[in-house]
C-alpha atoms as a PDB file:
ATOM      1  CA  MET A   1      -4.090  20.392  11.090  1.00  0.00           C
ATOM      2  CA  GLU A   2      -1.093  18.154   9.868  1.00  0.00           C
ATOM      3  CA  THR A   3       1.915  20.156   7.714  1.00  0.00           C
ATOM      4  CA  LEU A   4       3.227  18.128   5.995  1.00  0.00           C
ATOM      5  CA  ASN A   5       7.505  17.685   5.985  1.00  0.00           C
ATOM      6  CA  THR A   6       9.292  17.787   2.872  1.00  0.00           C
ATOM      7  CA  GLN A   7      10.307  14.045   2.930  1.00  0.00           C
ATOM      8  CA  TYR A   8      12.104  12.213   0.029  1.00  0.00           C
ATOM      9  CA  ILE A   9      12.550   8.631  -0.992  1.00  0.00           C
ATOM     10  CA  ASN A  10      15.437   7.308  -3.324  1.00  0.00           C
ATOM     11  CA  VAL A  11      13.337   5.441  -6.759  1.00  0.00           C
ATOM     12  CA  ASN A  12      15.457   4.006  -8.775  1.00  0.00           C
ATOM     13  CA  GLY A  13      18.976   6.512  -7.825  1.00  0.00           C
ATOM     14  CA  SER A  14      16.154   9.526  -7.964  1.00  0.00           C
ATOM     15  CA  LEU A  15      15.076  11.429  -5.055  1.00  0.00           C
ATOM     16  CA  MET A  16      11.000  11.227  -5.244  1.00  0.00           C
ATOM     17  CA  ASP A  17       9.722  14.325  -3.586  1.00  0.00           C
ATOM     18  CA  LEU A  18       6.444  13.056  -1.217  1.00  0.00           C
ATOM     19  CA  SER A  19       6.140  16.321   0.532  1.00  0.00           C
ATOM     20  CA  LYS A  20       3.144  16.557  -1.776  1.00  0.00           C
ATOM     21  CA  PRO A  21       1.215  13.822  -1.174  1.00  0.00           C
ATOM     22  CA  CYS A  22       1.592  10.780  -4.173  1.00  0.00           C
ATOM     23  CA  VAL A  23      -1.503   8.373  -5.441  1.00  0.00           C
ATOM     24  CA  MET A  24      -0.603   4.874  -6.123  1.00  0.00           C
ATOM     25  CA  GLY A  25      -2.994   3.286  -8.331  1.00  0.00           C
ATOM     26  CA  ILE A  26      -3.510  -0.481  -7.601  1.00  0.00           C
ATOM     27  CA  LEU A  27      -3.373  -2.820 -10.326  1.00  0.00           C
ATOM     28  CA  ASN A  28      -3.916  -6.613  -8.999  1.00  0.00           C
ATOM     29  CA  VAL A  29      -3.155  -9.670 -11.368  1.00  0.00           C
ATOM     30  CA  THR A  30      -4.986 -11.745  -9.460  1.00  0.00           C
ATOM     31  CA  PRO A  31      -8.811 -13.398 -10.261  1.00  0.00           C
ATOM     32  CA  ASP A  32      -9.858 -13.113  -6.623  1.00  0.00           C
ATOM     33  CA  SER A  33      -9.064  -9.326  -4.847  1.00  0.00           C
ATOM     34  CA  PHE A  34     -12.173  -8.239  -3.117  1.00  0.00           C
ATOM     35  CA  TYR A  35     -12.768  -5.332  -5.687  1.00  0.00           C
ATOM     36  CA  GLU A  36     -13.673  -7.164  -8.928  1.00  0.00           C
ATOM     37  CA  GLY A  37     -12.777  -3.441 -10.737  1.00  0.00           C
ATOM     38  CA  CYS A  38      -9.541  -4.088 -10.637  1.00  0.00           C
ATOM     39  CA  ARG A  39      -8.783  -7.738 -11.192  1.00  0.00           C
ATOM     40  CA  MET A  40      -6.683  -7.880 -14.344  1.00  0.00           C
ATOM     41  CA  GLN A  41      -5.596 -11.128 -15.636  1.00  0.00           C
ATOM     42  CA  THR A  42      -5.271 -11.147 -19.636  1.00  0.00           C
ATOM     43  CA  GLU A  43      -2.688  -8.757 -21.742  1.00  0.00           C
ATOM     44  CA  THR A  44      -6.067  -6.450 -22.876  1.00  0.00           C
ATOM     45  CA  ASP A  45      -6.718  -6.318 -19.459  1.00  0.00           C
ATOM     46  CA  ILE A  46      -3.428  -4.943 -17.914  1.00  0.00           C
ATOM     47  CA  THR A  47      -2.669  -2.807 -20.419  1.00  0.00           C
ATOM     48  CA  TYR A  48      -5.806  -0.860 -20.314  1.00  0.00           C
ATOM     49  CA  ARG A  49      -5.885  -0.462 -16.661  1.00  0.00           C
ATOM     50  CA  VAL A  50      -1.803   0.697 -16.505  1.00  0.00           C
ATOM     51  CA  GLU A  51      -2.755   2.985 -19.033  1.00  0.00           C
ATOM     52  CA  GLN A  52      -5.556   3.978 -16.960  1.00  0.00           C
ATOM     53  CA  ILE A  53      -3.780   4.529 -13.861  1.00  0.00           C
ATOM     54  CA  ILE A  54      -1.192   7.008 -15.519  1.00  0.00           C
ATOM     55  CA  LYS A  55      -3.289   8.863 -17.832  1.00  0.00           C
ATOM     56  CA  GLU A  56      -5.406   9.609 -14.350  1.00  0.00           C
ATOM     57  CA  GLY A  57      -2.282  10.759 -12.399  1.00  0.00           C
ATOM     58  CA  ALA A  58      -1.230   7.997 -10.586  1.00  0.00           C
ATOM     59  CA  GLY A  59       2.766   8.954  -9.235  1.00  0.00           C
ATOM     60  CA  MET A  60       3.392   4.816  -8.782  1.00  0.00           C
ATOM     61  CA  ILE A  61       1.505   1.932  -9.830  1.00  0.00           C
ATOM     62  CA  ASP A  62       1.140  -1.273  -7.195  1.00  0.00           C
ATOM     63  CA  ILE A  63       1.110  -4.425  -8.369  1.00  0.00           C
ATOM     64  CA  GLY A  64       0.228  -7.652  -6.791  1.00  0.00           C
ATOM     65  CA  ALA A  65      -0.444 -11.252  -7.263  1.00  0.00           C
ATOM     66  CA  TYR A  66      -1.297 -12.543  -4.286  1.00  0.00           C
ATOM     67  CA  SER A  67      -4.874 -11.915  -3.209  1.00  0.00           C
ATOM     68  CA  SER A  68      -4.776 -10.552   0.852  1.00  0.00           C
ATOM     69  CA  ARG A  69      -8.439 -10.209   1.624  1.00  0.00           C
ATOM     70  CA  PHE A  70      -9.485 -11.872   4.646  1.00  0.00           C
ATOM     71  CA  ASN A  71      -9.846 -16.070   4.262  1.00  0.00           C
ATOM     72  CA  ALA A  72      -8.338 -15.876   0.236  1.00  0.00           C
ATOM     73  CA  LYS A  73      -6.851 -19.216  -1.177  1.00  0.00           C
ATOM     74  CA  ASN A  74      -3.214 -19.769  -0.941  1.00  0.00           C
ATOM     75  CA  VAL A  75      -1.361 -19.088  -3.825  1.00  0.00           C
ATOM     76  CA  SER A  76       2.102 -20.934  -4.395  1.00  0.00           C
ATOM     77  CA  PRO A  77       5.273 -18.651  -4.914  1.00  0.00           C
ATOM     78  CA  GLN A  78       5.642 -19.687  -8.253  1.00  0.00           C
ATOM     79  CA  GLU A  79       2.145 -19.180  -9.411  1.00  0.00           C
ATOM     80  CA  GLU A  80       2.382 -15.582  -7.788  1.00  0.00           C
ATOM     81  CA  MET A  81       5.849 -15.295  -9.658  1.00  0.00           C
ATOM     82  CA  GLU A  82       4.316 -16.551 -13.027  1.00  0.00           C
ATOM     83  CA  ARG A  83       0.878 -13.633 -12.945  1.00  0.00           C
ATOM     84  CA  LEU A  84       3.786 -10.786 -11.872  1.00  0.00           C
ATOM     85  CA  ARG A  85       6.136 -11.876 -14.735  1.00  0.00           C
ATOM     86  CA  MET A  86       3.226 -12.200 -17.099  1.00  0.00           C
ATOM     87  CA  GLY A  87       1.721  -8.127 -15.791  1.00  0.00           C
ATOM     88  CA  LEU A  88       5.633  -6.915 -15.306  1.00  0.00           C
ATOM     89  CA  LYS A  89       5.755  -7.989 -18.736  1.00  0.00           C
ATOM     90  CA  VAL A  90       2.942  -6.256 -20.276  1.00  0.00           C
ATOM     91  CA  LEU A  91       3.345  -3.176 -17.732  1.00  0.00           C
ATOM     92  CA  ARG A  92       6.973  -2.768 -18.930  1.00  0.00           C
ATOM     93  CA  LYS A  93       5.970  -2.540 -22.364  1.00  0.00           C
ATOM     94  CA  VAL A  94       3.161   0.340 -21.753  1.00  0.00           C
ATOM     95  CA  GLN A  95       4.784   2.211 -19.239  1.00  0.00           C
ATOM     96  CA  PRO A  96       8.724   1.777 -19.058  1.00  0.00           C
ATOM     97  CA  HIS A  97       9.970   4.506 -16.994  1.00  0.00           C
ATOM     98  CA  ALA A  98       7.157   4.087 -14.371  1.00  0.00           C
ATOM     99  CA  ILE A  99       7.464   3.889 -10.508  1.00  0.00           C
ATOM    100  CA  VAL A 100       6.422   0.262  -9.789  1.00  0.00           C
ATOM    101  CA  SER A 101       5.808  -1.264  -6.503  1.00  0.00           C
ATOM    102  CA  VAL A 102       5.210  -5.134  -5.644  1.00  0.00           C
ATOM    103  CA  ASP A 103       2.877  -5.899  -3.325  1.00  0.00           C
ATOM    104  CA  THR A 104       3.915  -8.842  -1.629  1.00  0.00           C
ATOM    105  CA  PHE A 105       5.112 -10.558   1.658  1.00  0.00           C
ATOM    106  CA  ARG A 106       7.965 -13.143   0.056  1.00  0.00           C
ATOM    107  CA  ALA A 107      11.725 -12.446  -0.355  1.00  0.00           C
ATOM    108  CA  ASP A 108      12.149 -14.456  -3.814  1.00  0.00           C
ATOM    109  CA  VAL A 109       9.063 -13.340  -4.857  1.00  0.00           C
ATOM    110  CA  ALA A 110       9.892  -9.540  -4.616  1.00  0.00           C
ATOM    111  CA  ARG A 111      14.001 -10.068  -5.792  1.00  0.00           C
ATOM    112  CA  MET A 112      12.658 -11.392  -8.859  1.00  0.00           C
ATOM    113  CA  CYS A 113      10.646  -8.312  -9.805  1.00  0.00           C
ATOM    114  CA  VAL A 114      13.395  -5.549  -8.535  1.00  0.00           C
ATOM    115  CA  GLU A 115      16.303  -7.907 -10.399  1.00  0.00           C
ATOM    116  CA  GLU A 116      14.335  -9.234 -13.299  1.00  0.00           C
ATOM    117  CA  TYR A 117      11.742  -5.890 -13.973  1.00  0.00           C
ATOM    118  CA  GLY A 118      13.078  -2.952 -12.200  1.00  0.00           C
ATOM    119  CA  VAL A 119      10.931  -3.074  -9.917  1.00  0.00           C
ATOM    120  CA  ALA A 120      11.352   0.010  -7.544  1.00  0.00           C
ATOM    121  CA  ILE A 121       9.396  -0.617  -4.136  1.00  0.00           C
ATOM    122  CA  ILE A 122       8.448  -3.237  -1.936  1.00  0.00           C
ATOM    123  CA  ASN A 123       4.965  -3.138  -0.463  1.00  0.00           C
ATOM    124  CA  ASP A 124       4.862  -5.798   2.086  1.00  0.00           C
ATOM    125  CA  ILE A 125       1.636  -6.774   4.227  1.00  0.00           C
ATOM    126  CA  ALA A 126       3.459  -8.827   6.732  1.00  0.00           C
ATOM    127  CA  ALA A 127       6.406  -6.272   7.482  1.00  0.00           C
ATOM    128  CA  GLY A 128       8.142  -9.734   7.118  1.00  0.00           C
ATOM    129  CA  GLU A 129       6.487 -11.425   9.680  1.00  0.00           C
ATOM    130  CA  MET A 130       5.575 -14.470   7.057  1.00  0.00           C
ATOM    131  CA  ASP A 131       9.384 -14.483   5.485  1.00  0.00           C
ATOM    132  CA  LYS A 132      12.095 -14.158   7.378  1.00  0.00           C
ATOM    133  CA  ASP A 133      14.495 -13.701   4.958  1.00  0.00           C
ATOM    134  CA  MET A 134      12.180 -10.561   4.045  1.00  0.00           C
ATOM    135  CA  PHE A 135      14.103  -8.039   5.534  1.00  0.00           C
ATOM    136  CA  ARG A 136      17.772  -9.281   4.564  1.00  0.00           C
ATOM    137  CA  THR A 137      16.696  -8.884   1.008  1.00  0.00           C
ATOM    138  CA  VAL A 138      15.150  -5.452   1.052  1.00  0.00           C
ATOM    139  CA  ALA A 139      18.417  -4.748   2.584  1.00  0.00           C
ATOM    140  CA  LYS A 140      20.518  -6.368  -0.163  1.00  0.00           C
ATOM    141  CA  LEU A 141      18.049  -4.707  -2.982  1.00  0.00           C
ATOM    142  CA  ASN A 142      18.430  -1.338  -1.686  1.00  0.00           C
ATOM    143  CA  VAL A 143      15.133  -0.387  -2.559  1.00  0.00           C
ATOM    144  CA  PRO A 144      12.759   1.407  -0.431  1.00  0.00           C
ATOM    145  CA  TYR A 145       9.944  -1.025   1.513  1.00  0.00           C
ATOM    146  CA  ILE A 146       6.501  -0.001   3.062  1.00  0.00           C
ATOM    147  CA  MET A 147       5.934  -1.925   5.841  1.00  0.00           C
ATOM    148  CA  MET A 148       2.405  -2.918   6.711  1.00  0.00           C
ATOM    149  CA  HIS A 149       1.084  -3.543  10.443  1.00  0.00           C
ATOM    150  CA  MET A 150      -1.497  -6.427  10.041  1.00  0.00           C
ATOM    151  CA  LYS A 151      -2.211  -9.301  13.216  1.00  0.00           C
ATOM    152  CA  GLY A 152      -2.182 -12.519  11.721  1.00  0.00           C
ATOM    153  CA  THR A 153      -2.328 -13.902   8.481  1.00  0.00           C
ATOM    154  CA  PRO A 154      -4.836 -12.880   5.207  1.00  0.00           C
ATOM    155  CA  GLN A 155      -6.547 -16.201   6.032  1.00  0.00           C
ATOM    156  CA  ASN A 156      -7.155 -15.737   9.777  1.00  0.00           C
ATOM    157  CA  MET A 157      -6.541 -12.026  10.514  1.00  0.00           C
ATOM    158  CA  GLN A 158      -9.983 -11.319  11.600  1.00  0.00           C
ATOM    159  CA  GLN A 159     -11.232 -14.244  13.128  1.00  0.00           C
ATOM    160  CA  HIS A 160     -11.141 -11.915  16.402  1.00  0.00           C
ATOM    161  CA  PRO A 161      -8.819  -9.457  16.622  1.00  0.00           C
ATOM    162  CA  HIS A 162      -8.034  -8.853  19.713  1.00  0.00           C
ATOM    163  CA  TYR A 163      -4.755  -6.442  21.459  1.00  0.00           C
ATOM    164  CA  ASP A 164      -4.172  -5.775  24.744  1.00  0.00           C
ATOM    165  CA  ASP A 165      -4.119  -2.126  24.174  1.00  0.00           C
ATOM    166  CA  PHE A 166      -4.893  -1.213  20.238  1.00  0.00           C
ATOM    167  CA  LEU A 167      -2.610   1.612  19.543  1.00  0.00           C
ATOM    168  CA  LYS A 168       0.040   1.004  21.697  1.00  0.00           C
ATOM    169  CA  ASP A 169      -0.007  -2.303  20.286  1.00  0.00           C
ATOM    170  CA  VAL A 170       0.652  -1.053  16.844  1.00  0.00           C
ATOM    171  CA  PHE A 171       2.962   1.831  18.175  1.00  0.00           C
ATOM    172  CA  LEU A 172       5.204  -0.847  19.691  1.00  0.00           C
ATOM    173  CA  TYR A 173       4.740  -2.935  16.274  1.00  0.00           C
ATOM    174  CA  PHE A 174       6.406  -0.354  14.230  1.00  0.00           C
ATOM    175  CA  THR A 175       9.094   1.070  16.636  1.00  0.00           C
ATOM    176  CA  ARG A 176      10.397  -2.584  17.051  1.00  0.00           C
ATOM    177  CA  LYS A 177      10.301  -3.300  13.413  1.00  0.00           C
ATOM    178  CA  VAL A 178      11.946   0.395  12.350  1.00  0.00           C
ATOM    179  CA  GLN A 179      15.241  -0.179  14.361  1.00  0.00           C
ATOM    180  CA  GLN A 180      15.506  -4.184  12.932  1.00  0.00           C
ATOM    181  CA  LEU A 181      15.546  -2.228   9.252  1.00  0.00           C
ATOM    182  CA  ARG A 182      17.516   0.603  10.572  1.00  0.00           C
ATOM    183  CA  ASP A 183      20.327  -1.750  12.251  1.00  0.00           C
ATOM    184  CA  MET A 184      20.532  -3.568   8.995  1.00  0.00           C
ATOM    185  CA  GLY A 185      21.073  -0.716   6.835  1.00  0.00           C
ATOM    186  CA  VAL A 186      18.072   0.119   5.523  1.00  0.00           C
ATOM    187  CA  LYS A 187      17.051   3.604   4.615  1.00  0.00           C
ATOM    188  CA  ASP A 188      14.111   3.928   2.773  1.00  0.00           C
ATOM    189  CA  LEU A 189      10.749   2.806   5.029  1.00  0.00           C
ATOM    190  CA  ILE A 190       7.330   3.990   4.481  1.00  0.00           C
ATOM    191  CA  LEU A 191       4.793   2.964   7.263  1.00  0.00           C
ATOM    192  CA  ASP A 192       1.369   1.651   6.524  1.00  0.00           C
ATOM    193  CA  PRO A 193      -1.139   1.257   9.498  1.00  0.00           C
ATOM    194  CA  GLY A 194      -2.645  -1.568   8.345  1.00  0.00           C
ATOM    195  CA  PHE A 195      -6.709  -0.441   7.503  1.00  0.00           C
ATOM    196  CA  GLY A 196      -8.267  -3.744   7.793  1.00  0.00           C
ATOM    197  CA  PHE A 197      -5.625  -6.030   8.168  1.00  0.00           C
ATOM    198  CA  GLY A 198      -6.669  -8.189  11.852  1.00  0.00           C
ATOM    199  CA  LYS A 199      -9.000  -5.321  12.685  1.00  0.00           C
ATOM    200  CA  THR A 200     -11.937  -4.764  13.725  1.00  0.00           C
ATOM    201  CA  MET A 201     -14.142  -1.620  12.597  1.00  0.00           C
ATOM    202  CA  LYS A 202     -13.628  -0.012  15.818  1.00  0.00           C
ATOM    203  CA  HIS A 203      -9.885  -0.921  15.929  1.00  0.00           C
ATOM    204  CA  ASN A 204     -10.137   0.845  12.252  1.00  0.00           C
ATOM    205  CA  TYR A 205     -11.625   4.228  13.348  1.00  0.00           C
ATOM    206  CA  GLU A 206      -9.383   4.850  15.982  1.00  0.00           C
ATOM    207  CA  LEU A 207      -6.902   3.992  14.035  1.00  0.00           C
ATOM    208  CA  LEU A 208      -7.881   6.604  11.404  1.00  0.00           C
ATOM    209  CA  ALA A 209      -7.963   9.333  14.779  1.00  0.00           C
ATOM    210  CA  HIS A 210      -4.743   9.471  15.843  1.00  0.00           C
ATOM    211  CA  LEU A 211      -3.580   8.543  12.715  1.00  0.00           C
ATOM    212  CA  GLU A 212      -1.558  11.914  12.831  1.00  0.00           C
ATOM    213  CA  GLU A 213       0.246  10.556  15.626  1.00  0.00           C
ATOM    214  CA  PHE A 214       2.511   8.337  13.163  1.00  0.00           C
ATOM    215  CA  ARG A 215       3.991  11.486  12.458  1.00  0.00           C
ATOM    216  CA  VAL A 216       6.359  10.192  15.226  1.00  0.00           C
ATOM    217  CA  PHE A 217       8.184   8.420  13.482  1.00  0.00           C
ATOM    218  CA  GLU A 218       9.298  10.837  11.027  1.00  0.00           C
ATOM    219  CA  LEU A 219       8.515   8.346   8.024  1.00  0.00           C
ATOM    220  CA  PRO A 220       6.216   8.453   5.444  1.00  0.00           C
ATOM    221  CA  LEU A 221       3.055   7.487   5.682  1.00  0.00           C
ATOM    222  CA  LEU A 222       0.891   5.432   3.302  1.00  0.00           C
ATOM    223  CA  VAL A 223      -2.807   5.073   3.956  1.00  0.00           C
ATOM    224  CA  GLY A 224      -4.734   2.105   2.035  1.00  0.00           C
ATOM    225  CA  VAL A 225      -9.012   2.449   2.515  1.00  0.00           C
ATOM    226  CA  SER A 226     -10.118   2.011  -0.532  1.00  0.00           C
ATOM    227  CA  ARG A 227     -13.248   0.878  -0.827  1.00  0.00           C
ATOM    228  CA  LYS A 228     -12.787  -1.196   2.321  1.00  0.00           C
ATOM    229  CA  SER A 229     -15.010  -3.433   4.303  1.00  0.00           C
ATOM    230  CA  MET A 230     -15.049  -0.399   7.388  1.00  0.00           C
ATOM    231  CA  ILE A 231     -16.848   2.129   4.787  1.00  0.00           C
ATOM    232  CA  TYR A 232     -19.467  -0.054   3.168  1.00  0.00           C
ATOM    233  CA  ASN A 233     -20.382  -2.492   6.626  1.00  0.00           C
ATOM    234  CA  LEU A 234     -20.436   0.892   8.732  1.00  0.00           C
ATOM    235  CA  LEU A 235     -23.137   2.068   5.560  1.00  0.00           C
ATOM    236  CA  GLY A 236     -24.482  -1.020   4.820  1.00  0.00           C
ATOM    237  CA  THR A 237     -23.795  -0.574   1.220  1.00  0.00           C
ATOM    238  CA  THR A 238     -20.850  -2.439  -0.792  1.00  0.00           C
ATOM    239  CA  SER A 239     -17.321  -2.739  -1.935  1.00  0.00           C
ATOM    240  CA  GLN A 240     -18.672  -1.375  -5.685  1.00  0.00           C
ATOM    241  CA  GLU A 241     -20.352   1.755  -3.725  1.00  0.00           C
ATOM    242  CA  ALA A 242     -17.540   2.352  -1.406  1.00  0.00           C
ATOM    243  CA  LEU A 243     -16.075   5.132  -4.238  1.00  0.00           C
ATOM    244  CA  ASN A 244     -18.340   7.879  -2.124  1.00  0.00           C
ATOM    245  CA  GLY A 245     -16.851   6.956   1.543  1.00  0.00           C
ATOM    246  CA  THR A 246     -13.414   6.385   0.234  1.00  0.00           C
ATOM    247  CA  THR A 247     -12.846  10.053  -0.916  1.00  0.00           C
ATOM    248  CA  VAL A 248     -14.092  10.852   2.267  1.00  0.00           C
ATOM    249  CA  LEU A 249     -11.544   8.612   4.401  1.00  0.00           C
ATOM    250  CA  ASN A 250      -8.790   9.775   1.907  1.00  0.00           C
ATOM    251  CA  THR A 251      -9.250  12.993   2.372  1.00  0.00           C
ATOM    252  CA  LEU A 252      -9.373  12.781   5.803  1.00  0.00           C
ATOM    253  CA  SER A 253      -6.066  10.498   5.904  1.00  0.00           C
ATOM    254  CA  LEU A 254      -4.224  13.824   3.699  1.00  0.00           C
ATOM    255  CA  LEU A 255      -5.410  16.240   6.626  1.00  0.00           C
ATOM    256  CA  LYS A 256      -3.901  13.587   9.522  1.00  0.00           C
ATOM    257  CA  GLY A 257      -0.851  13.137   7.427  1.00  0.00           C
ATOM    258  CA  ALA A 258      -1.019  10.665   4.856  1.00  0.00           C
ATOM    259  CA  ASP A 259       2.036  10.635   2.347  1.00  0.00           C
ATOM    260  CA  ILE A 260       0.406   8.188  -0.161  1.00  0.00           C
ATOM    261  CA  LEU A 261      -2.863   6.784  -1.044  1.00  0.00           C
ATOM    262  CA  ARG A 262      -3.000   3.184  -2.258  1.00  0.00           C
ATOM    263  CA  VAL A 263      -6.222   3.500  -4.280  1.00  0.00           C
ATOM    264  CA  HIS A 264      -7.992   1.888  -7.214  1.00  0.00           C
ATOM    265  CA  ASP A 265     -10.244   4.737  -8.057  1.00  0.00           C
ATOM    266  CA  VAL A 266      -6.986   7.187  -9.132  1.00  0.00           C
ATOM    267  CA  ARG A 267      -8.312   9.999 -10.784  1.00  0.00           C
ATOM    268  CA  GLU A 268     -10.911  10.323  -7.550  1.00  0.00           C
ATOM    269  CA  ALA A 269      -7.396  10.304  -5.242  1.00  0.00           C
ATOM    270  CA  VAL A 270      -5.723  12.784  -7.361  1.00  0.00           C
ATOM    271  CA  GLU A 271      -9.022  15.607  -7.299  1.00  0.00           C
ATOM    272  CA  THR A 272      -8.948  14.492  -3.630  1.00  0.00           C
ATOM    273  CA  VAL A 273      -4.850  15.780  -3.317  1.00  0.00           C
ATOM    274  CA  LYS A 274      -5.065  18.551  -5.138  1.00  0.00           C
ATOM    275  CA  ILE A 275      -8.088  20.078  -3.422  1.00  0.00           C
ATOM    276  CA  VAL A 276      -6.659  19.474   0.031  1.00  0.00           C
ATOM    277  CA  GLU A 277      -3.275  20.924  -1.829  1.00  0.00           C
ATOM    278  CA  ALA A 278      -4.854  23.901  -2.746  1.00  0.00           C
ATOM    279  CA  MET A 279      -6.295  24.324   0.908  1.00  0.00           C
ATOM    280  CA  ARG A 280      -2.997  24.322   2.378  1.00  0.00           C
ATOM    281  CA  MET A 281      -1.715  26.618   0.696  1.00  0.00           C
ATOM    282  CA  ASN A 282      -4.160  29.419   1.739  1.00  0.00           C
ATOM    283  CA  ASN A 283      -3.886  28.355   5.301  1.00  0.00           C
END
C-alpha cells in the first residue's frame, strides 16, 4: 500500500498540510452540469450548498461556471464571469474564510476570481492548452495550480479518443507541463489525471490501476471520479445511482496515493478518508 508523504501547498499565505487527504466539495453555478444534484443557480441554492459542503467536512470548495461534461454547450467568458461573480459573492457572504478553487480554463476568468474574491487555487481542466495566457497568469498570481490531463476539448474529447501508448502519453504530458511551469517560477502544483476526459472506460481503469505511479512527480495528486460515467456505464445505472461506486473508487484512489478527492457527496468522502486513515494508523 502506498504511504503518503507529508506535502504542503501555500494557500493564501498559509501552508496547507496534505499529509492527510483533503476533500474538495463541488459547487457548480451552471444549468447543465452532468450531475443535476449539484447544479446551483439561485442565491438560496448556493447558500445551502456552500453551508452543506463546509458542514460535512470539506477542506476546499471548487466553484465552476462552465460545464465540462462531454458535448457541453460553450459559454462565453462574459457569461462565465457573471455566473462566478454571483456565486462567489454569495459564497464569501456565507463562508468568508473558506478555501476556494475556481474551475476554469480561462486566464482572465481565473485572474478575476483571485483578485476580486480572494480565490486561493486555480483548477484548470486544460492545463493551459485552451488559453495560452494561463501559465503566465498563474505565475503572476502566485497561487496553487491544479492541472488536469485532457485530450481535446469538452466538446470533442470523447469522440474516439486514441493514444499510441496511453500511460506513457499522460506521463510525458505532465512531465512537459511541470517543467514549463517550474521554469516560470510556479511552486505549488497539483496533478489531476483527468478521469473521464478524453478517455475510454478502459483508459480510465488503466489509469486507476497505475495511479500510484504518479508519485514519481512528487506532487499532490487530485482525483475526481465522483458519479462519472466510468462508474455508471460499467454498472448499467445512472449518475444518480453512482454514489456507492464513487465511494469504492475514492477508497481505491486513497490507497493508491490520492491527496485530494473532488466530490459531489462530501460527507461520504470525508468518512472514506477517516476510515482509510484509521487503517493506515495501524498498518
